[in-house]
Amino acid sequence: MPISSETIESRKAALVAAARVLIREKGGASFSMRELALKAGVSTATPYNLISTKANLLTLVLEQEFREFRGEMAPLAKLGGLERLLNTIDLLCSHYASDQKFYFGLFKSAGTIDESSMALVMLEGGRALFGDMVRAAIAEEDEGGGFAAALVTGVLLRTMRATVEAWYVSGWSVARFHDEMAFAVRVVMMANYRGPVAESLRRELTVLQERLEKHASAEPFAGALASG
């Protein structure tokens, strides 16, 4: 008897939920499809029949992440331009910090399971998430000094990914991670502005620089790793 589409989707959801638990428990994707099936409460053949590979499984996990974060972003829709972009990135930092074991495991998985396909999913998802916000933020520049939104979005996403990876590798505190990300994002975006907006960003960067210097003094081991 054929399996209904509802049953298939239910089992896929169970596999994705189980994968999240295992990534958190194991600090990565070093689990077998058999372990996944047992955790999800399905037959050992189900992961192969419905998902096929671990790379496909992790892609589903990432896609779920983007959907859920879009829901978290909803209250920020009333904000405009640069303010919305900066608040969204701050929210993203809090989102990652809320479940560090899972997100560290997910980033570790990206380096071990078909990294190119996962990187593509992350890049495309990031562009869909941030592209319009970057475009709106640049459009706020009255003097026309902004660069092409697509290029800025690409630089911003690479900068954000590098900052998350540095947090994972260097063992920064959550407070330092927030400040490192805030500093990096403002440096990228400031190149698009002249006048009052640029001055406002520069003042914020000065404050963040002072905080980062304090973090580096308080976290010498992490600071040494980050600069090495």
Protein backbone atom coordinates (compact mmCIF):
# COMPACT_ATOMS: atom_id res chain seq x y z
CA MET A 1 0.00 0.00 0.00
CA PRO A 2 1.46 3.38 -1.00
CA ILE A 3 2.52 5.72 1.79
CA SER A 4 0.55 8.97 1.89
CA SER A 5 2.30 12.28 1.31
CA GLU A 6 1.31 13.30 4.85
CA THR A 7 3.09 10.27 6.28
CA ILE A 8 6.18 10.95 4.20
CA GLU A 9 6.35 14.56 5.37
CA SER A 10 5.76 13.49 8.97
CA ARG A 11 8.63 11.01 8.81
CA LYS A 12 10.91 13.57 7.17
CA ALA A 13 10.10 16.02 9.94
CA ALA A 14 10.91 13.34 12.53
CA LEU A 15 14.26 12.68 10.84
CA VAL A 16 15.14 16.39 10.78
CA ALA A 17 14.19 16.76 14.45
CA ALA A 18 16.29 13.70 15.32
CA ALA A 19 19.22 15.09 13.33
CA ARG A 20 19.09 18.31 15.34
CA VAL A 21 19.25 16.34 18.59
CA LEU A 22 22.15 14.20 17.36
CA ILE A 23 24.11 17.19 16.05
CA ARG A 24 23.76 18.79 19.48
CA GLU A 25 24.69 15.61 21.34
CA LYS A 26 27.66 14.66 19.17
CA GLY A 27 28.93 18.12 18.29
CA GLY A 28 28.59 17.42 14.59
CA ALA A 29 27.24 14.96 12.05
CA SER A 30 29.27 11.97 13.22
CA PHE A 31 26.21 9.77 13.56
CA SER A 32 25.07 6.91 11.37
CA MET A 33 21.81 6.66 9.47
CA ARG A 34 20.92 3.79 11.81
CA GLU A 35 21.36 6.06 14.84
CA LEU A 36 19.24 8.66 13.08
CA ALA A 37 16.45 6.16 12.44
CA LEU A 38 16.47 4.94 16.04
CA LYS A 39 16.35 8.50 17.37
CA ALA A 40 13.47 9.35 15.01
CA GLY A 41 11.54 6.17 15.79
CA VAL A 42 11.40 4.94 12.19
CA SER A 43 12.74 1.90 10.37
CA THR A 44 16.44 1.81 9.51
CA ALA A 45 15.56 1.95 5.81
CA THR A 46 13.51 5.14 6.11
CA PRO A 47 16.40 7.66 6.10
CA TYR A 48 17.77 6.14 2.90
CA ASN A 49 14.36 5.94 1.25
CA LEU A 50 13.26 9.48 2.11
CA ILE A 51 16.49 11.49 2.35
CA SER A 52 19.19 9.30 0.81
CA THR A 53 22.35 11.05 2.05
CA LYS A 54 23.57 12.91 5.09
CA ALA A 55 24.27 15.95 2.92
CA ASN A 56 20.58 16.01 1.94
CA LEU A 57 19.63 15.64 5.60
CA LEU A 58 21.76 18.60 6.65
CA THR A 59 20.34 20.64 3.79
CA LEU A 60 16.86 20.01 5.21
CA VAL A 61 18.11 21.09 8.65
CA LEU A 62 19.49 24.32 7.19
CA GLU A 63 16.30 25.02 5.25
CA GLN A 64 14.29 24.59 8.44
CA GLU A 65 16.65 26.99 10.19
CA PHE A 66 16.06 29.69 7.60
CA ARG A 67 12.28 29.25 7.82
CA GLU A 68 12.27 29.47 11.61
CA PHE A 69 14.53 32.51 11.68
CA ARG A 70 12.27 34.30 9.21
CA GLY A 71 9.50 33.87 11.76
CA GLU A 72 11.69 35.38 14.48
CA MET A 73 12.42 38.33 12.18
CA ALA A 74 8.76 39.22 11.71
CA PRO A 75 8.58 41.84 14.51
CA LEU A 76 11.45 43.74 12.87
CA ALA A 77 9.55 44.24 9.61
CA LYS A 78 8.30 47.63 10.81
CA LEU A 79 11.87 48.93 10.96
CA GLY A 80 13.49 50.36 7.89
CA GLY A 81 16.78 50.22 6.08
CA LEU A 82 19.95 50.06 8.09
CA GLU A 83 18.17 49.85 11.45
CA ARG A 84 16.35 46.71 10.39
CA LEU A 85 19.53 45.13 9.03
CA LEU A 86 21.55 45.78 12.18
CA ASN A 87 18.75 44.59 14.45
CA THR A 88 18.29 41.43 12.38
CA ILE A 89 21.97 40.57 12.65
CA ASP A 90 21.88 41.19 16.39
CA LEU A 91 18.87 38.86 16.57
CA LEU A 92 20.79 36.26 14.58
CA CYS A 93 23.64 36.38 17.11
CA SER A 94 21.15 35.81 19.93
CA HIS A 95 19.60 32.98 17.91
CA TYR A 96 22.98 31.24 17.59
CA ALA A 97 23.87 31.88 21.23
CA SER A 98 20.59 30.32 22.41
CA ASP A 99 21.79 26.85 21.37
CA GLN A 100 25.56 26.96 20.99
CA LYS A 101 26.08 23.20 21.01
CA PHE A 102 23.73 22.73 18.09
CA TYR A 103 25.08 25.60 15.99
CA PHE A 104 28.71 24.75 16.66
CA GLY A 105 27.89 21.19 15.61
CA LEU A 106 26.12 22.42 12.50
CA PHE A 107 29.09 24.56 11.46
CA LYS A 108 31.44 21.68 12.13
CA SER A 109 29.24 19.47 9.95
CA ALA A 110 29.53 21.97 7.10
CA GLY A 111 33.25 21.25 7.02
CA THR A 112 32.93 17.48 6.94
CA ILE A 113 29.81 16.60 4.94
CA ASP A 114 29.90 17.73 1.31
CA GLU A 115 30.96 21.23 2.30
CA SER A 116 30.36 22.73 -1.13
CA SER A 117 26.66 21.86 -1.22
CA MET A 118 26.06 23.08 2.34
CA ALA A 119 27.96 26.29 1.67
CA LEU A 120 25.76 26.87 -1.37
CA VAL A 121 22.58 26.37 0.66
CA MET A 122 23.87 28.77 3.31
CA LEU A 123 24.89 31.35 0.72
CA GLU A 124 21.62 31.21 -1.20
CA GLY A 125 19.60 31.28 2.01
CA GLY A 126 21.63 34.21 3.28
CA ARG A 127 21.13 36.16 0.07
CA ALA A 128 17.39 35.56 0.21
CA LEU A 129 17.32 36.62 3.85
CA PHE A 130 19.55 39.69 3.73
CA GLY A 131 19.61 40.85 0.10
CA ASP A 132 16.55 43.09 0.24
CA MET A 133 17.55 44.50 3.63
CA VAL A 134 20.99 45.44 2.34
CA ARG A 135 19.42 47.04 -0.72
CA ALA A 136 17.03 49.07 1.46
CA ALA A 137 19.85 50.07 3.81
CA ILE A 138 22.02 51.34 0.95
CA ALA A 139 19.06 53.24 -0.52
CA GLU A 140 18.97 55.39 2.63
CA GLU A 141 22.19 57.10 1.54
CA ASP A 142 21.11 60.53 0.31
CA GLU A 143 24.39 61.34 -1.41
CA GLY A 144 24.43 58.28 -3.65
CA GLY A 145 27.62 56.80 -2.25
CA GLY A 146 26.41 53.22 -1.89
CA PHE A 147 27.87 50.28 -3.78
CA ALA A 148 26.01 47.53 -5.65
CA ALA A 149 23.69 45.77 -3.20
CA ALA A 150 24.46 42.28 -4.52
CA LEU A 151 28.20 42.79 -4.00
CA VAL A 152 27.74 44.27 -0.54
CA THR A 153 25.44 41.39 0.43
CA GLY A 154 28.08 38.87 -0.63
CA VAL A 155 30.80 40.62 1.38
CA LEU A 156 28.48 40.92 4.37
CA LEU A 157 27.58 37.21 4.32
CA ARG A 158 31.22 36.15 4.06
CA THR A 159 32.12 38.48 6.92
CA MET A 160 29.32 37.11 9.08
CA ARG A 161 30.30 33.52 8.38
CA ALA A 162 33.95 34.23 9.20
CA THR A 163 32.92 35.86 12.49
CA VAL A 164 30.77 32.87 13.47
CA GLU A 165 33.63 30.51 12.61
CA ALA A 166 36.04 32.60 14.68
CA TRP A 167 33.63 32.37 17.62
CA TYR A 168 33.46 28.60 17.21
CA VAL A 169 37.24 28.17 16.89
CA SER A 170 38.38 30.77 19.41
CA GLY A 171 35.95 30.19 22.24
CA TRP A 172 34.82 33.79 22.64
CA SER A 173 32.20 34.64 25.22
CA VAL A 174 28.71 35.31 23.89
CA ALA A 175 29.12 39.01 24.72
CA ARG A 176 32.31 39.18 22.69
CA PHE A 177 30.67 37.34 19.80
CA HIS A 178 27.87 39.91 19.71
CA ASP A 179 30.34 42.80 19.75
CA GLU A 180 32.68 41.24 17.18
CA MET A 181 29.75 40.72 14.81
CA ALA A 182 28.37 44.21 15.41
CA PHE A 183 31.78 45.74 14.71
CA ALA A 184 32.39 43.69 11.55
CA VAL A 185 28.96 44.40 10.08
CA ARG A 186 29.25 48.14 10.69
CA VAL A 187 32.67 48.26 9.07
CA VAL A 188 31.24 46.62 5.95
CA MET A 189 28.18 48.86 5.80
CA MET A 190 29.92 52.15 6.60
CA ALA A 191 31.60 52.14 3.18
CA ASN A 192 28.16 52.81 1.66
CA TYR A 193 27.47 56.06 3.49
CA ARG A 194 28.52 59.67 3.68
CA GLY A 195 27.49 62.37 6.12
CA PRO A 196 25.32 61.73 9.20
CA VAL A 197 24.84 57.98 8.77
CA ALA A 198 28.57 57.41 8.38
CA GLU A 199 29.26 59.57 11.42
CA SER A 200 26.71 57.63 13.47
CA LEU A 201 28.28 54.33 12.46
CA ARG A 202 31.73 55.67 13.28
CA ARG A 203 30.60 56.61 16.79
CA GLU A 204 29.13 53.15 17.28
CA LEU A 205 32.37 51.58 16.04
CA THR A 206 34.38 53.62 18.54
CA VAL A 207 32.24 52.31 21.40
CA LEU A 208 32.46 48.76 20.08
CA GLN A 209 36.23 49.03 19.69
CA GLU A 210 36.56 49.95 23.36
CA ARG A 211 34.42 46.98 24.33
CA LEU A 212 36.42 44.63 22.11
CA GLU A 213 39.66 45.79 23.69
CA LYS A 214 38.19 44.93 27.10
CA HIS A 215 37.08 41.53 25.81
CA ALA A 216 40.58 40.84 24.49
CA SER A 217 42.08 41.68 27.89
CA ALA A 218 39.55 39.53 29.74
CA GLU A 219 39.84 36.62 27.29
CA PRO A 220 43.57 36.40 26.50
CA PHE A 221 43.44 32.78 25.35
CA ALA A 222 40.55 33.42 22.98
CA GLY A 223 42.21 36.59 21.77
CA ALA A 224 45.43 34.72 21.00
CA LEU A 225 43.54 32.13 18.99
CA ALA A 226 41.62 34.76 17.07
CA SER A 227 44.76 36.66 16.10
CA GLY A 228 46.83 33.59 15.31
